[in-house]
N, C-alpha and C. Protein backbone atom coordinates (compact mmCIF):
# COMPACT_ATOMS: atom_id res chain seq x y z
N MET A 1 -1.90 19.85 -12.45
CA MET A 1 -2.30 18.45 -12.38
C MET A 1 -3.31 18.25 -11.25
N GLU A 2 -4.47 17.73 -11.59
CA GLU A 2 -5.50 17.44 -10.59
C GLU A 2 -5.48 15.94 -10.29
N LEU A 3 -5.11 15.59 -9.07
CA LEU A 3 -5.02 14.18 -8.66
C LEU A 3 -6.17 13.88 -7.70
N THR A 4 -6.99 12.91 -8.06
CA THR A 4 -8.09 12.48 -7.21
C THR A 4 -7.98 10.98 -6.98
N PHE A 5 -8.70 10.50 -5.95
CA PHE A 5 -8.61 9.09 -5.58
C PHE A 5 -10.00 8.46 -5.51
N ALA A 6 -10.02 7.15 -5.74
CA ALA A 6 -11.27 6.40 -5.61
C ALA A 6 -10.93 4.96 -5.27
N VAL A 7 -11.74 4.37 -4.39
CA VAL A 7 -11.64 2.93 -4.14
C VAL A 7 -12.41 2.24 -5.25
N ALA A 8 -11.74 1.31 -5.95
CA ALA A 8 -12.37 0.64 -7.10
C ALA A 8 -13.59 -0.15 -6.65
N ARG A 9 -14.75 0.21 -7.17
CA ARG A 9 -16.00 -0.48 -6.84
C ARG A 9 -16.77 -0.88 -8.09
N THR A 10 -16.67 -0.10 -9.14
CA THR A 10 -17.44 -0.36 -10.35
C THR A 10 -16.64 -1.24 -11.31
N GLU A 11 -17.33 -1.79 -12.29
CA GLU A 11 -16.67 -2.60 -13.31
C GLU A 11 -15.63 -1.77 -14.06
N ALA A 12 -15.97 -0.52 -14.35
CA ALA A 12 -15.04 0.36 -15.08
C ALA A 12 -13.79 0.63 -14.25
N GLU A 13 -13.94 0.82 -12.94
CA GLU A 13 -12.77 1.08 -12.09
C GLU A 13 -11.88 -0.15 -11.98
N HIS A 14 -12.47 -1.34 -11.88
CA HIS A 14 -11.66 -2.56 -11.85
C HIS A 14 -10.97 -2.78 -13.20
N ALA A 15 -11.60 -2.36 -14.28
CA ALA A 15 -10.95 -2.42 -15.59
C ALA A 15 -9.74 -1.48 -15.64
N ASP A 16 -9.83 -0.35 -14.96
CA ASP A 16 -8.70 0.58 -14.88
C ASP A 16 -7.52 -0.09 -14.17
N VAL A 17 -7.79 -0.86 -13.12
CA VAL A 17 -6.72 -1.57 -12.41
C VAL A 17 -6.01 -2.53 -13.36
N LEU A 18 -6.77 -3.30 -14.14
CA LEU A 18 -6.17 -4.24 -15.08
C LEU A 18 -5.37 -3.52 -16.17
N ARG A 19 -5.87 -2.38 -16.63
CA ARG A 19 -5.13 -1.62 -17.65
C ARG A 19 -3.80 -1.12 -17.10
N LEU A 20 -3.80 -0.69 -15.84
CA LEU A 20 -2.55 -0.25 -15.22
C LEU A 20 -1.57 -1.41 -15.07
N ARG A 21 -2.08 -2.55 -14.67
CA ARG A 21 -1.22 -3.73 -14.51
C ARG A 21 -0.62 -4.13 -15.86
N GLU A 22 -1.45 -4.07 -16.91
CA GLU A 22 -0.97 -4.38 -18.26
C GLU A 22 0.13 -3.40 -18.68
N ALA A 23 -0.09 -2.13 -18.42
CA ALA A 23 0.85 -1.10 -18.85
C ALA A 23 2.18 -1.19 -18.10
N VAL A 24 2.11 -1.54 -16.81
CA VAL A 24 3.32 -1.54 -15.98
C VAL A 24 4.00 -2.91 -15.97
N TYR A 25 3.28 -3.94 -15.53
CA TYR A 25 3.89 -5.26 -15.33
C TYR A 25 4.17 -5.99 -16.64
N VAL A 26 3.35 -5.77 -17.67
CA VAL A 26 3.52 -6.50 -18.93
C VAL A 26 4.29 -5.66 -19.94
N ALA A 27 3.72 -4.52 -20.34
CA ALA A 27 4.32 -3.73 -21.43
C ALA A 27 5.62 -3.04 -21.02
N ASP A 28 5.66 -2.44 -19.83
CA ASP A 28 6.83 -1.65 -19.43
C ASP A 28 7.94 -2.51 -18.83
N GLN A 29 7.61 -3.37 -17.87
CA GLN A 29 8.64 -4.11 -17.14
C GLN A 29 8.84 -5.54 -17.64
N GLY A 30 7.86 -6.08 -18.33
CA GLY A 30 7.98 -7.44 -18.83
C GLY A 30 8.03 -8.50 -17.74
N ARG A 31 7.46 -8.22 -16.58
CA ARG A 31 7.53 -9.14 -15.46
C ARG A 31 6.37 -10.13 -15.42
N LEU A 32 5.30 -9.82 -16.16
CA LEU A 32 4.19 -10.74 -16.34
C LEU A 32 3.94 -10.91 -17.82
N ALA A 33 3.52 -12.12 -18.21
CA ALA A 33 3.18 -12.36 -19.61
C ALA A 33 1.77 -11.91 -19.93
N ASP A 34 0.89 -11.98 -18.92
CA ASP A 34 -0.53 -11.64 -19.13
C ASP A 34 -1.07 -11.03 -17.84
N ALA A 35 -1.57 -9.82 -17.93
CA ALA A 35 -2.07 -9.13 -16.74
C ALA A 35 -3.28 -9.80 -16.14
N GLY A 36 -4.01 -10.58 -16.93
CA GLY A 36 -5.22 -11.21 -16.41
C GLY A 36 -5.00 -12.60 -15.84
N ASP A 37 -3.81 -13.17 -16.06
CA ASP A 37 -3.55 -14.54 -15.62
C ASP A 37 -2.94 -14.55 -14.23
N THR A 38 -3.69 -14.02 -13.24
CA THR A 38 -3.15 -13.88 -11.89
C THR A 38 -4.13 -14.34 -10.81
N ALA A 39 -5.15 -15.08 -11.21
CA ALA A 39 -6.20 -15.47 -10.26
C ALA A 39 -5.64 -16.30 -9.10
N ALA A 40 -4.69 -17.17 -9.37
CA ALA A 40 -4.15 -18.05 -8.33
C ALA A 40 -3.03 -17.41 -7.53
N THR A 41 -2.57 -16.23 -7.94
CA THR A 41 -1.45 -15.58 -7.25
C THR A 41 -1.88 -14.24 -6.67
N PHE A 42 -1.75 -13.19 -7.44
CA PHE A 42 -2.02 -11.85 -6.93
C PHE A 42 -3.47 -11.62 -6.51
N ASP A 43 -4.40 -12.26 -7.21
CA ASP A 43 -5.80 -11.91 -7.03
C ASP A 43 -6.57 -12.79 -6.05
N ARG A 44 -5.90 -13.73 -5.41
CA ARG A 44 -6.66 -14.66 -4.58
C ARG A 44 -7.17 -14.02 -3.29
N PHE A 45 -6.73 -12.81 -2.97
CA PHE A 45 -7.23 -12.09 -1.80
C PHE A 45 -8.23 -11.00 -2.18
N ASP A 46 -8.59 -10.93 -3.46
CA ASP A 46 -9.41 -9.82 -3.92
C ASP A 46 -10.82 -9.80 -3.35
N ALA A 47 -11.29 -10.91 -2.81
CA ALA A 47 -12.65 -10.93 -2.24
C ALA A 47 -12.78 -9.93 -1.10
N HIS A 48 -11.69 -9.66 -0.39
CA HIS A 48 -11.77 -8.68 0.70
C HIS A 48 -10.68 -7.62 0.61
N ALA A 49 -10.00 -7.54 -0.54
CA ALA A 49 -9.00 -6.49 -0.74
C ALA A 49 -9.65 -5.25 -1.35
N GLU A 50 -8.93 -4.15 -1.31
CA GLU A 50 -9.41 -2.90 -1.88
C GLU A 50 -8.31 -2.30 -2.76
N TYR A 51 -8.68 -1.88 -3.94
CA TYR A 51 -7.76 -1.18 -4.84
C TYR A 51 -8.07 0.30 -4.79
N ILE A 52 -7.07 1.10 -4.47
CA ILE A 52 -7.23 2.55 -4.51
C ILE A 52 -6.62 3.04 -5.81
N LEU A 53 -7.39 3.79 -6.56
CA LEU A 53 -6.96 4.32 -7.85
C LEU A 53 -6.64 5.81 -7.72
N GLY A 54 -5.60 6.23 -8.41
CA GLY A 54 -5.29 7.65 -8.51
C GLY A 54 -5.57 8.12 -9.93
N TYR A 55 -6.36 9.17 -10.07
CA TYR A 55 -6.74 9.70 -11.38
C TYR A 55 -6.12 11.08 -11.57
N VAL A 56 -5.44 11.26 -12.69
CA VAL A 56 -4.90 12.57 -13.06
C VAL A 56 -5.77 13.13 -14.17
N ASP A 57 -6.43 14.21 -13.87
CA ASP A 57 -7.35 14.85 -14.83
C ASP A 57 -8.32 13.83 -15.40
N GLY A 58 -8.81 12.91 -14.54
CA GLY A 58 -9.83 11.95 -14.92
C GLY A 58 -9.32 10.66 -15.53
N THR A 59 -8.01 10.53 -15.74
CA THR A 59 -7.43 9.31 -16.32
C THR A 59 -6.68 8.53 -15.24
N ALA A 60 -6.91 7.21 -15.19
CA ALA A 60 -6.24 6.37 -14.18
C ALA A 60 -4.74 6.40 -14.40
N ALA A 61 -4.00 6.86 -13.37
CA ALA A 61 -2.55 7.02 -13.48
C ALA A 61 -1.79 6.06 -12.58
N GLY A 62 -2.45 5.49 -11.57
CA GLY A 62 -1.76 4.58 -10.66
C GLY A 62 -2.74 3.91 -9.72
N THR A 63 -2.25 2.90 -9.02
CA THR A 63 -3.09 2.17 -8.08
C THR A 63 -2.23 1.56 -6.98
N VAL A 64 -2.87 1.24 -5.87
CA VAL A 64 -2.24 0.48 -4.79
C VAL A 64 -3.32 -0.43 -4.20
N LYS A 65 -2.90 -1.61 -3.77
CA LYS A 65 -3.82 -2.61 -3.22
C LYS A 65 -3.69 -2.64 -1.71
N VAL A 66 -4.82 -2.66 -1.01
CA VAL A 66 -4.84 -2.75 0.45
C VAL A 66 -5.55 -4.05 0.83
N VAL A 67 -4.85 -4.91 1.55
CA VAL A 67 -5.43 -6.18 2.00
C VAL A 67 -5.50 -6.18 3.52
N PRO A 68 -6.68 -6.05 4.11
CA PRO A 68 -6.79 -6.14 5.57
C PRO A 68 -6.69 -7.60 6.01
N ASP A 69 -6.10 -7.82 7.17
CA ASP A 69 -5.96 -9.18 7.68
C ASP A 69 -7.34 -9.76 7.97
N SER A 70 -7.47 -11.06 7.75
CA SER A 70 -8.75 -11.75 7.96
C SER A 70 -8.46 -13.22 8.18
N ALA A 71 -9.53 -14.01 8.25
CA ALA A 71 -9.35 -15.46 8.39
C ALA A 71 -8.61 -16.05 7.19
N ALA A 72 -8.67 -15.36 6.06
CA ALA A 72 -7.97 -15.83 4.86
C ALA A 72 -6.48 -15.53 4.91
N GLY A 73 -6.06 -14.71 5.87
CA GLY A 73 -4.66 -14.36 5.99
C GLY A 73 -4.26 -13.22 5.08
N LEU A 74 -2.94 -13.06 4.92
CA LEU A 74 -2.38 -12.01 4.09
C LEU A 74 -1.45 -12.63 3.05
N PRO A 75 -1.20 -11.93 1.94
CA PRO A 75 -0.28 -12.48 0.93
C PRO A 75 1.09 -12.84 1.49
N CYS A 76 1.60 -12.04 2.43
CA CYS A 76 2.95 -12.31 2.95
C CYS A 76 3.03 -13.56 3.81
N ASP A 77 1.88 -14.14 4.19
CA ASP A 77 1.91 -15.40 4.95
C ASP A 77 2.62 -16.51 4.19
N ASP A 78 2.66 -16.40 2.85
CA ASP A 78 3.34 -17.41 2.04
C ASP A 78 4.85 -17.35 2.22
N THR A 79 5.34 -16.23 2.74
CA THR A 79 6.79 -16.01 2.79
C THR A 79 7.35 -15.98 4.21
N VAL A 80 6.59 -15.45 5.16
CA VAL A 80 7.13 -15.23 6.51
C VAL A 80 6.05 -15.53 7.55
N ASP A 81 6.48 -16.00 8.72
CA ASP A 81 5.57 -16.27 9.83
C ASP A 81 5.33 -14.96 10.59
N ILE A 82 4.10 -14.46 10.53
CA ILE A 82 3.79 -13.19 11.21
C ILE A 82 2.85 -13.41 12.40
N SER A 83 2.81 -14.63 12.91
CA SER A 83 1.89 -14.94 14.01
C SER A 83 2.17 -14.08 15.25
N GLU A 84 3.43 -13.82 15.57
CA GLU A 84 3.74 -12.99 16.74
C GLU A 84 3.29 -11.55 16.51
N LEU A 85 3.46 -11.07 15.28
CA LEU A 85 3.05 -9.70 14.97
C LEU A 85 1.53 -9.56 15.03
N ARG A 86 0.82 -10.63 14.71
CA ARG A 86 -0.64 -10.58 14.72
C ARG A 86 -1.21 -10.43 16.13
N ALA A 87 -0.54 -10.98 17.11
CA ALA A 87 -1.08 -11.04 18.47
C ALA A 87 -1.40 -9.64 18.99
N GLY A 88 -2.68 -9.34 19.18
CA GLY A 88 -3.11 -8.07 19.74
C GLY A 88 -3.04 -6.90 18.78
N ASN A 89 -2.73 -7.14 17.51
CA ASN A 89 -2.59 -6.06 16.54
C ASN A 89 -3.57 -6.21 15.38
N ARG A 90 -3.71 -5.14 14.60
CA ARG A 90 -4.56 -5.14 13.41
C ARG A 90 -3.67 -4.82 12.21
N LEU A 91 -3.57 -5.77 11.30
CA LEU A 91 -2.61 -5.67 10.21
C LEU A 91 -3.29 -5.39 8.88
N VAL A 92 -2.61 -4.65 8.04
CA VAL A 92 -2.99 -4.52 6.64
C VAL A 92 -1.72 -4.71 5.82
N GLU A 93 -1.88 -5.21 4.61
CA GLU A 93 -0.74 -5.34 3.71
C GLU A 93 -0.98 -4.50 2.47
N PHE A 94 0.03 -3.68 2.11
CA PHE A 94 -0.03 -2.89 0.88
C PHE A 94 0.72 -3.65 -0.21
N GLY A 95 0.19 -3.59 -1.42
CA GLY A 95 0.86 -4.25 -2.53
C GLY A 95 0.51 -3.62 -3.86
N HIS A 96 1.28 -3.97 -4.88
CA HIS A 96 1.03 -3.55 -6.26
C HIS A 96 0.84 -2.04 -6.39
N LEU A 97 1.75 -1.32 -5.74
CA LEU A 97 1.79 0.13 -5.91
C LEU A 97 2.47 0.42 -7.24
N MET A 98 1.74 1.03 -8.16
CA MET A 98 2.30 1.28 -9.49
C MET A 98 1.72 2.54 -10.09
N THR A 99 2.51 3.17 -10.96
CA THR A 99 2.03 4.32 -11.73
C THR A 99 2.42 4.13 -13.19
N LEU A 100 1.67 4.72 -14.08
CA LEU A 100 1.98 4.66 -15.49
C LEU A 100 3.39 5.21 -15.75
N PRO A 101 4.14 4.60 -16.67
CA PRO A 101 5.48 5.12 -16.97
C PRO A 101 5.48 6.61 -17.30
N SER A 102 4.48 7.08 -18.01
CA SER A 102 4.42 8.48 -18.39
C SER A 102 4.12 9.41 -17.22
N MET A 103 3.70 8.83 -16.09
CA MET A 103 3.32 9.64 -14.94
C MET A 103 4.34 9.55 -13.80
N ARG A 104 5.46 8.87 -14.02
CA ARG A 104 6.43 8.71 -12.95
C ARG A 104 7.18 10.00 -12.68
N HIS A 105 7.82 10.06 -11.51
CA HIS A 105 8.59 11.22 -11.07
C HIS A 105 7.70 12.44 -10.83
N ARG A 106 6.43 12.16 -10.53
CA ARG A 106 5.51 13.26 -10.19
C ARG A 106 4.90 13.01 -8.80
N GLU A 107 5.51 12.08 -8.06
CA GLU A 107 5.12 11.75 -6.68
C GLU A 107 3.70 11.21 -6.57
N ILE A 108 3.19 10.64 -7.66
CA ILE A 108 1.87 10.03 -7.60
C ILE A 108 1.90 8.76 -6.75
N GLY A 109 3.00 8.01 -6.86
CA GLY A 109 3.15 6.81 -6.03
C GLY A 109 3.12 7.13 -4.55
N MET A 110 3.82 8.20 -4.15
CA MET A 110 3.80 8.62 -2.75
C MET A 110 2.40 9.02 -2.32
N ALA A 111 1.71 9.74 -3.19
CA ALA A 111 0.35 10.18 -2.86
C ALA A 111 -0.59 8.99 -2.71
N LEU A 112 -0.41 7.97 -3.56
CA LEU A 112 -1.23 6.76 -3.44
C LEU A 112 -0.95 6.04 -2.14
N MET A 113 0.31 5.97 -1.75
CA MET A 113 0.66 5.30 -0.51
C MET A 113 0.08 6.06 0.69
N ARG A 114 0.13 7.38 0.65
CA ARG A 114 -0.46 8.17 1.73
C ARG A 114 -1.97 7.93 1.79
N GLU A 115 -2.61 7.87 0.62
CA GLU A 115 -4.05 7.62 0.60
C GLU A 115 -4.37 6.24 1.17
N ALA A 116 -3.49 5.25 0.92
CA ALA A 116 -3.68 3.91 1.48
C ALA A 116 -3.54 3.93 3.00
N VAL A 117 -2.63 4.75 3.52
CA VAL A 117 -2.47 4.90 4.98
C VAL A 117 -3.74 5.51 5.57
N ILE A 118 -4.23 6.58 4.95
CA ILE A 118 -5.44 7.24 5.45
C ILE A 118 -6.63 6.28 5.41
N HIS A 119 -6.80 5.60 4.30
CA HIS A 119 -7.90 4.64 4.14
C HIS A 119 -7.81 3.54 5.19
N SER A 120 -6.62 3.01 5.41
CA SER A 120 -6.45 1.91 6.36
C SER A 120 -6.68 2.36 7.79
N ALA A 121 -6.31 3.60 8.10
CA ALA A 121 -6.56 4.13 9.45
C ALA A 121 -8.05 4.29 9.69
N ARG A 122 -8.75 4.81 8.70
CA ARG A 122 -10.19 5.08 8.88
C ARG A 122 -11.04 3.81 8.81
N GLU A 123 -10.72 2.95 7.86
CA GLU A 123 -11.57 1.79 7.61
C GLU A 123 -11.18 0.56 8.44
N HIS A 124 -9.90 0.44 8.78
CA HIS A 124 -9.44 -0.78 9.43
C HIS A 124 -8.74 -0.54 10.77
N ASP A 125 -8.56 0.73 11.15
CA ASP A 125 -7.92 1.06 12.43
C ASP A 125 -6.64 0.24 12.61
N MET A 126 -5.82 0.19 11.58
CA MET A 126 -4.65 -0.68 11.60
C MET A 126 -3.61 -0.21 12.60
N THR A 127 -2.85 -1.15 13.11
CA THR A 127 -1.72 -0.84 13.99
C THR A 127 -0.39 -1.07 13.27
N HIS A 128 -0.41 -1.95 12.24
CA HIS A 128 0.81 -2.26 11.50
C HIS A 128 0.49 -2.37 10.01
N ILE A 129 1.45 -1.91 9.21
CA ILE A 129 1.38 -2.03 7.76
C ILE A 129 2.49 -2.96 7.31
N LEU A 130 2.15 -3.91 6.43
CA LEU A 130 3.15 -4.80 5.86
C LEU A 130 3.24 -4.58 4.37
N GLY A 131 4.40 -4.91 3.80
CA GLY A 131 4.59 -4.80 2.36
C GLY A 131 5.66 -5.76 1.91
N ASP A 132 5.57 -6.18 0.66
CA ASP A 132 6.56 -7.06 0.05
C ASP A 132 7.28 -6.22 -0.99
N PHE A 133 8.51 -5.77 -0.66
CA PHE A 133 9.20 -4.76 -1.46
C PHE A 133 10.38 -5.35 -2.21
N PHE A 134 10.71 -4.78 -3.37
CA PHE A 134 11.95 -5.11 -4.04
C PHE A 134 13.11 -4.47 -3.26
N VAL A 135 14.23 -5.18 -3.17
CA VAL A 135 15.38 -4.69 -2.41
C VAL A 135 16.18 -3.68 -3.23
N ASP A 136 17.10 -2.99 -2.55
CA ASP A 136 18.00 -2.06 -3.25
C ASP A 136 19.23 -2.83 -3.76
N ASP A 137 20.22 -2.11 -4.24
CA ASP A 137 21.40 -2.75 -4.83
C ASP A 137 22.21 -3.54 -3.82
N SER A 138 22.07 -3.21 -2.54
CA SER A 138 22.80 -3.94 -1.50
C SER A 138 21.97 -5.09 -0.93
N GLU A 139 20.83 -5.37 -1.57
CA GLU A 139 19.90 -6.43 -1.17
C GLU A 139 19.28 -6.17 0.20
N GLY A 140 19.12 -4.91 0.52
CA GLY A 140 18.45 -4.52 1.75
C GLY A 140 17.21 -3.70 1.44
N LEU A 141 16.52 -3.30 2.49
CA LEU A 141 15.32 -2.48 2.33
C LEU A 141 15.70 -1.10 1.82
N ARG A 142 14.98 -0.59 0.88
CA ARG A 142 15.31 0.71 0.31
C ARG A 142 15.17 1.81 1.34
N SER A 143 16.02 2.85 1.20
CA SER A 143 16.10 3.91 2.20
C SER A 143 14.76 4.62 2.39
N PHE A 144 13.98 4.73 1.32
CA PHE A 144 12.66 5.36 1.41
C PHE A 144 11.83 4.70 2.50
N TYR A 145 11.77 3.36 2.48
CA TYR A 145 10.95 2.63 3.45
C TYR A 145 11.58 2.63 4.84
N LYS A 146 12.91 2.58 4.90
CA LYS A 146 13.58 2.60 6.21
C LYS A 146 13.36 3.92 6.92
N GLU A 147 13.37 5.02 6.17
CA GLU A 147 13.16 6.33 6.81
C GLU A 147 11.77 6.43 7.42
N ILE A 148 10.78 5.85 6.75
CA ILE A 148 9.42 5.87 7.29
C ILE A 148 9.34 5.02 8.56
N GLY A 149 10.11 3.92 8.60
CA GLY A 149 10.10 3.08 9.79
C GLY A 149 9.87 1.61 9.52
N PHE A 150 9.84 1.19 8.26
CA PHE A 150 9.68 -0.23 7.95
C PHE A 150 10.92 -1.01 8.40
N PHE A 151 10.71 -2.22 8.87
CA PHE A 151 11.81 -3.10 9.26
C PHE A 151 11.59 -4.48 8.63
N ALA A 152 12.69 -5.09 8.19
CA ALA A 152 12.61 -6.37 7.49
C ALA A 152 12.21 -7.48 8.45
N LEU A 153 11.42 -8.44 7.95
CA LEU A 153 10.96 -9.56 8.76
C LEU A 153 11.69 -10.86 8.43
N HIS A 154 12.53 -10.85 7.40
CA HIS A 154 13.24 -12.06 6.99
C HIS A 154 14.33 -11.69 6.00
N GLU A 155 15.01 -12.68 5.46
CA GLU A 155 16.06 -12.45 4.47
C GLU A 155 15.43 -12.26 3.09
N PRO A 156 16.13 -11.57 2.18
CA PRO A 156 15.61 -11.40 0.81
C PRO A 156 15.37 -12.75 0.13
N TYR A 157 14.37 -12.78 -0.74
CA TYR A 157 14.03 -14.00 -1.45
C TYR A 157 13.66 -13.68 -2.89
N GLU A 158 13.66 -14.69 -3.75
CA GLU A 158 13.28 -14.52 -5.15
C GLU A 158 11.79 -14.78 -5.31
N ASP A 159 11.05 -13.79 -5.74
CA ASP A 159 9.62 -13.92 -5.97
C ASP A 159 9.42 -14.46 -7.39
N THR A 160 9.11 -15.74 -7.51
CA THR A 160 9.02 -16.38 -8.81
C THR A 160 7.80 -15.93 -9.63
N ARG A 161 6.89 -15.18 -9.01
CA ARG A 161 5.73 -14.66 -9.76
C ARG A 161 6.15 -13.58 -10.74
N PHE A 162 7.31 -12.93 -10.46
CA PHE A 162 7.80 -11.86 -11.32
C PHE A 162 9.03 -12.32 -12.09
N LYS A 163 8.99 -12.21 -13.40
CA LYS A 163 10.13 -12.61 -14.23
C LYS A 163 11.17 -11.50 -14.24
N GLY A 164 12.42 -11.86 -13.91
CA GLY A 164 13.53 -10.92 -14.02
C GLY A 164 13.51 -9.79 -13.00
N ALA A 165 12.78 -9.94 -11.91
CA ALA A 165 12.67 -8.88 -10.91
C ALA A 165 13.81 -8.98 -9.89
N PRO A 166 14.12 -7.90 -9.18
CA PRO A 166 15.09 -7.99 -8.09
C PRO A 166 14.56 -8.90 -6.98
N LEU A 167 15.42 -9.22 -6.01
CA LEU A 167 14.97 -9.96 -4.84
C LEU A 167 13.93 -9.14 -4.09
N SER A 168 13.11 -9.83 -3.31
CA SER A 168 12.05 -9.18 -2.55
C SER A 168 12.29 -9.34 -1.06
N LEU A 169 11.59 -8.52 -0.29
CA LEU A 169 11.75 -8.51 1.17
C LEU A 169 10.43 -8.09 1.80
N VAL A 170 9.91 -8.90 2.72
CA VAL A 170 8.71 -8.52 3.45
C VAL A 170 9.13 -7.67 4.65
N ALA A 171 8.48 -6.53 4.82
CA ALA A 171 8.80 -5.62 5.92
C ALA A 171 7.52 -5.14 6.58
N ALA A 172 7.65 -4.67 7.81
CA ALA A 172 6.49 -4.20 8.57
C ALA A 172 6.78 -2.81 9.15
N LEU A 173 5.71 -2.09 9.39
CA LEU A 173 5.78 -0.76 9.99
C LEU A 173 4.85 -0.70 11.18
N ASP A 174 5.36 -0.32 12.33
CA ASP A 174 4.56 -0.08 13.52
C ASP A 174 4.02 1.34 13.43
N VAL A 175 2.73 1.48 13.18
CA VAL A 175 2.14 2.80 12.93
C VAL A 175 2.25 3.70 14.15
N THR A 176 1.99 3.16 15.34
CA THR A 176 2.08 3.96 16.56
C THR A 176 3.49 4.52 16.74
N GLU A 177 4.48 3.70 16.46
CA GLU A 177 5.87 4.15 16.59
C GLU A 177 6.20 5.20 15.54
N ALA A 178 5.68 5.02 14.33
CA ALA A 178 5.93 6.01 13.27
C ALA A 178 5.33 7.36 13.63
N VAL A 179 4.12 7.35 14.19
CA VAL A 179 3.48 8.59 14.61
C VAL A 179 4.28 9.25 15.73
N ARG A 180 4.76 8.44 16.68
CA ARG A 180 5.57 8.97 17.79
C ARG A 180 6.84 9.62 17.25
N ARG A 181 7.51 8.96 16.31
CA ARG A 181 8.75 9.50 15.74
C ARG A 181 8.49 10.79 14.98
N ALA A 182 7.34 10.87 14.31
CA ALA A 182 7.01 12.08 13.55
C ALA A 182 6.85 13.29 14.45
N ARG A 183 6.58 13.06 15.73
CA ARG A 183 6.37 14.16 16.68
C ARG A 183 7.64 14.57 17.41
N THR A 184 8.74 13.84 17.20
CA THR A 184 10.00 14.18 17.85
C THR A 184 10.70 15.30 17.07
N GLU A 185 11.68 15.89 17.71
CA GLU A 185 12.44 16.96 17.04
C GLU A 185 13.10 16.44 15.78
N GLU A 186 13.68 15.23 15.86
CA GLU A 186 14.33 14.64 14.69
C GLU A 186 13.30 14.28 13.62
N GLY A 187 12.16 13.74 14.06
CA GLY A 187 11.13 13.33 13.13
C GLY A 187 10.52 14.49 12.36
N ARG A 188 10.50 15.67 12.98
CA ARG A 188 9.96 16.85 12.28
C ARG A 188 10.84 17.28 11.12
N LYS A 189 12.09 16.80 11.11
CA LYS A 189 13.00 17.12 10.01
C LYS A 189 12.85 16.16 8.84
N SER A 190 12.12 15.07 9.06
CA SER A 190 11.95 14.05 8.02
C SER A 190 10.74 14.39 7.16
N ARG A 191 10.98 14.72 5.90
CA ARG A 191 9.88 15.03 5.00
C ARG A 191 8.94 13.84 4.87
N LEU A 192 9.49 12.64 4.80
CA LEU A 192 8.65 11.46 4.62
C LEU A 192 7.78 11.19 5.84
N LEU A 193 8.36 11.25 7.02
CA LEU A 193 7.57 11.02 8.24
C LEU A 193 6.45 12.05 8.35
N GLN A 194 6.77 13.29 8.04
CA GLN A 194 5.75 14.33 8.13
C GLN A 194 4.67 14.14 7.07
N TYR A 195 5.07 13.73 5.89
CA TYR A 195 4.11 13.53 4.80
C TYR A 195 3.10 12.44 5.13
N PHE A 196 3.58 11.35 5.71
CA PHE A 196 2.69 10.22 5.98
C PHE A 196 2.03 10.28 7.35
N PHE A 197 2.72 10.85 8.36
CA PHE A 197 2.22 10.73 9.72
C PHE A 197 2.17 12.04 10.50
N GLY A 198 2.58 13.14 9.89
CA GLY A 198 2.58 14.42 10.62
C GLY A 198 1.19 14.86 11.06
N ASP A 199 0.17 14.50 10.26
CA ASP A 199 -1.21 14.88 10.59
C ASP A 199 -2.07 13.64 10.82
N TYR A 200 -1.46 12.58 11.33
CA TYR A 200 -2.14 11.29 11.44
C TYR A 200 -3.43 11.37 12.24
N ASP A 201 -3.43 12.11 13.34
CA ASP A 201 -4.63 12.18 14.18
C ASP A 201 -5.84 12.71 13.43
N SER A 202 -5.60 13.55 12.44
CA SER A 202 -6.73 14.13 11.70
C SER A 202 -7.43 13.10 10.83
N TYR A 203 -6.78 12.00 10.49
CA TYR A 203 -7.43 10.97 9.68
C TYR A 203 -8.68 10.46 10.37
N THR A 204 -8.49 9.97 11.61
CA THR A 204 -9.62 9.40 12.34
C THR A 204 -10.50 10.49 12.95
N ALA A 205 -9.92 11.64 13.26
CA ALA A 205 -10.72 12.72 13.84
C ALA A 205 -11.76 13.19 12.83
N LYS A 206 -11.36 13.30 11.56
CA LYS A 206 -12.30 13.73 10.53
C LYS A 206 -13.41 12.71 10.37
N GLU A 207 -13.04 11.43 10.44
CA GLU A 207 -14.05 10.38 10.31
C GLU A 207 -15.04 10.45 11.47
N ALA A 208 -14.52 10.67 12.70
CA ALA A 208 -15.40 10.77 13.86
C ALA A 208 -16.32 11.98 13.75
N GLU A 209 -15.77 13.09 13.23
CA GLU A 209 -16.58 14.30 13.06
C GLU A 209 -17.71 14.05 12.08
N ASN A 210 -17.41 13.35 10.98
CA ASN A 210 -18.44 13.04 10.00
C ASN A 210 -19.54 12.17 10.60
N ALA A 211 -19.14 11.24 11.48
CA ALA A 211 -20.12 10.34 12.13
C ALA A 211 -21.02 11.15 13.07
N ASP A 212 -20.42 12.14 13.75
CA ASP A 212 -21.19 12.96 14.69
C ASP A 212 -22.25 13.79 13.98
N THR A 213 -21.92 14.22 12.74
CA THR A 213 -22.83 15.11 12.04
C THR A 213 -23.77 14.39 11.08
N ALA A 214 -23.63 13.07 10.99
CA ALA A 214 -24.50 12.31 10.09
C ALA A 214 -25.90 12.25 10.67
N PRO A 215 -26.94 12.25 9.80
CA PRO A 215 -28.31 12.16 10.32
C PRO A 215 -28.58 10.82 10.99
N ALA A 216 -29.40 10.84 12.02
CA ALA A 216 -29.72 9.61 12.74
C ALA A 216 -30.59 8.70 11.89
N ALA A 217 -30.39 7.41 12.06
CA ALA A 217 -31.19 6.44 11.29
C ALA A 217 -32.59 6.35 11.86
N GLY A 218 -33.55 5.95 11.00
CA GLY A 218 -34.89 5.64 11.48
C GLY A 218 -35.84 6.79 11.50
């Protein structure tokens, strides 16, 4: 399996995002009636959001949305007050992480999330990642996210945009703390911490190296 990534920029790539949404949210889960009828909800941050696509052998298999904080705010502002978290920090929110039903259980979702972390580190120098996640059976944050270091910002709530979905929970991750934990003896035993943050310094180091070797303008 050859997995490649691209930030959606062309009309064809944005069409791939809509096809994935149709396949997952409408056809598979039945949580939306129409994948295109989301302008007032999911898509109102698209003017400055970025969709990262994952392609398996050239076919779009999954996507994740990255929304950097701006004057327009973040999607989670509708649910929780993050003004204290904003002070002195740079925030991004991840959302709509999905993979085709036929491509699940192949860790494509994890790979997309890692790519979103790398992209956000290089492009936005983020200090915190936020996400609006479905809860587990105990109505808490799922163990996958807790192991990485996400912490809940409020009580679970019903997201009325999704029909028949579990309760949701907005959570945040302190990236500096996650990187620190990944370097501890205990953190080195965590596959998830190592996968996302074990080589974190190389994300920005590679970008700096590329800048150093780029030809001078003019």
